[in-house]
Amino acid sequence: MAARRARGWQALRRVDWIAAALLALFALQAEVASRRDSVTIDEFVHLPVGLYALYTGDLSRDPINPPFTRMIAALPLLAHPPAFDPPKGTAHWSLGYLFMQRNTADYQSIFVSARRAIIGLALLLGFIVYRWSLDLYGRPAALAALALYALTPDLLAHGHLVTLDLAGALGFTLTAYATHRMLARATLGGAALVGAAFGLATLLKLSGFVLVLSVAAAVVARLLDRGAVGPRVSWRGWLGRLALMAAAGNVVINLGYGFDGTFAALSTLTLDPKGSLAGLAARVPWLGLPFPKPFVEGIDMVLNVGKEKEPSFFLFGELSSEGWWYYHLAAFAVKTPLPLLVFFALALVAWGLGRSRGSREYCVVVPVLILFASNSLFNSLQIGARHVLPALPLLIVLASPWVADALAGFARGGGRRVAASVTAVLLAWLALGTGTVAPRYLQYFNEAAGGPAGGHRALVDSNIDWGQDLIRLREYMEREGVAQVDLAYFGRVDPRVYGIRFVPLERTSRAEHAVVSATFLMGRPYFWFLGGQMRWVPSETYAWLRERQPIARVGSMFVFDLR
C-alpha cells in the first residue's frame, strides 16, 4: 500500500511539472511578443488612464472601460515611476498623448513592464482552465486543456497587451467556474462567491454584466436537472440564492468604485441622448440606480457605442455602418485555428446529444451561447473577435476530455489508434500554425480565411492591425536602407517615437516606399495625419492602393512603389 501511494505521489508531481511547463510555454511566447509588438491603439490610452487612476483615485476617466484592469497593468510602473503629471480631469485620449510625449525615450520598455501584469492574468486564466478540466474530467484532460490554451493564437495575442480583453475572459471564466462549483452544493456561501466573482468580472471589463444571464440560466438548468447530484433546493431557495448573488455582485461593484454616485438621479448622469437610459431619465429624472455613477454611464456607452453613419465596420470585403448580426460568429470562425474548431464542434455536438463527459457541463456551454447571443443582439461595436474571447477558455475546457481520450487510444490499440492519430495530427497542425505566425499573433487567421497572408480580406482593425508593427517597420527600413517612407498608419502612437521618419501618405505621393496599414488599405476610416494635422480620415481614403501590387509586407502593413 505504501509503495502504491508513493508511486501515486510521484505521478502527481510529474503531471504538475507538465502543467507548469505548459504555463511557462505560454509565458515565454507572450513575453517575446510583448517585446516585439509596438504599442497598440487601446494600450496607448489604457496604461496612462490606469496610472492616472492610481495617482489620483479618479475612476471616472473613459467610463466605457473600467479602470481596474488598467490599474493592475500600471502597478509595476510604481517601482520606477515614469514622467507623468497630468492636470486632474484630463480627458482620456489626452492622457495618452501626454504620457507618450513625456516618456518618448522609454516608451516601449514602459509598456513591456506593464504587459507582464497582463501575462500574469493570462497565466491565472490558464490555471483556472486546468483546474476546471481537472475537476470535471481528470488530469489527462486537464493537461490537454492547458496544451490547447498554450497554443491558441488569440489568447496569446491578447494575453500580452495592456487591454481589457484577456482580463474580461478571466473574469468571465472565473464566474462560470464559481457557478459550476456552487451548483454542486447549493450553499449560501457559494452563492455569495458567485456574486463576488461576477462583480469582479464586471470591474475588469464592463461586458461582464452579461454574466447575469448565464448565471441565471445555469441555475434554471440545475433546477430542471432531475438527475443532478447534490442537495435538492426548491425554486424559492434558488430565487433566494440568485438574490444573494445579485446583492454580493452589487456590493463588489460599489466597493470597486468607492460608492461614487450610487443612487444618483438619472438626470445628473451623462447619457447618450438616443439611448434607452436617456429615455428613462426623461420620464423619471429623479430615479436613482443602486450602482456607481461611472458604472451606469459606462453601461450606457456600451449599449450605444459604434452607432455611426459612416461605414466603419468591415467584414469579408464589405464596409457597413450598421454591421451584421453574425459578425462575431464569423470573426470567431476565421480567427480560431481549424483544429480547435473541429475539437469544439465535436464537443458541442456530443453535449447536445446528451453525451456529457462531466457533471453540470451546461455551466460551460450556456455562458458561451449567451456570449455570442448578447454580442449579436446588443454589441454594435464590430471591430474584433476579441469581444468573444471568453468563449475560448470555456470551449477548451469542454473539448479537453475528448482530446485526452482520443490520444489515450495509442495505448489501447486497435481501432482507437486511428482516432488517436487524427487527434495527434490536429494538435501538430495547431502547434505549427501558431509557431509559424509567432510572435505576430494578432495577424493569425486560419487557412479557410486565407491564413495570415490573406486574412485582411476578411477582417481588419484589432483582428490583425492594431498599430503593433512599428518596430518591424523600423527594422524593415534599416534592412532595406530606406531613410523615409510615405506612411498611412492605423494607430495613435507617433511613429517617430520608434525612430521612423515619414511624411503622411497622400494620393499625389510618388514615393518608392509608400507604407499603408491593412485597415486603411481595406477602407476603414480612422485618425491619421491628413492635410498637415491629425484628423479623421474618411472611409476608402486609401482604396486606390488596392489596384496596385505591394512590393513587401511588414506584419500588418503593406509597402508599395508609387514611382
Foldseek 3Di string as FASTA:
>chain_A
DVVVVVVVVVVVVVLVVLLVVLLVLLLVQLLVLLLQWDAFFQLLQLQLLLVVCVVPVDQQAPLLAGNPLSVLLNVQCVVPPFDADDDPPDHRNVSSVVSCVRQLQCRSVSQSSSLVSLLVLLSVLLVLLLVLLCVFFRSLLSSQLSNCSSLWLVSSLPSRHSDLLSVLLSLLSVLLSLLVVCLQAVDLVSLLVSLLSLLSSCNSHVVSVLVLVLSVVLLVVSQPPPPRHYDHDDPVSSVVSSVSSPVSSLVSQCVVSVVACAQPFLLPADADCPFPSVVVCVVPRNGGHRGHRSSVRSVRCQQDPQQDPAFFFDFLLDTDSQDALCLLVLQCQFLTAPLLVVLLVVLVVCVVVVNQSGPSLSSLVSVLVSQSNCCSPGGRRRAHNSSSVSNVSSSSSSSSVVLSVLLCCVVVDDPSVVSNVVSVVSSVVSNVLSVVCPPQSLLATYVVCPGSVRVLSGHDDSSFARQTQLLLVVVVCVVVVNQEEAEAHRHDNDSVSNVHHYHHDAPPDQAQWHKYFSSQCSFRWDWDDDPRDTDIDGTCRNPVCVVDDFPDDRRRMTIHRRD
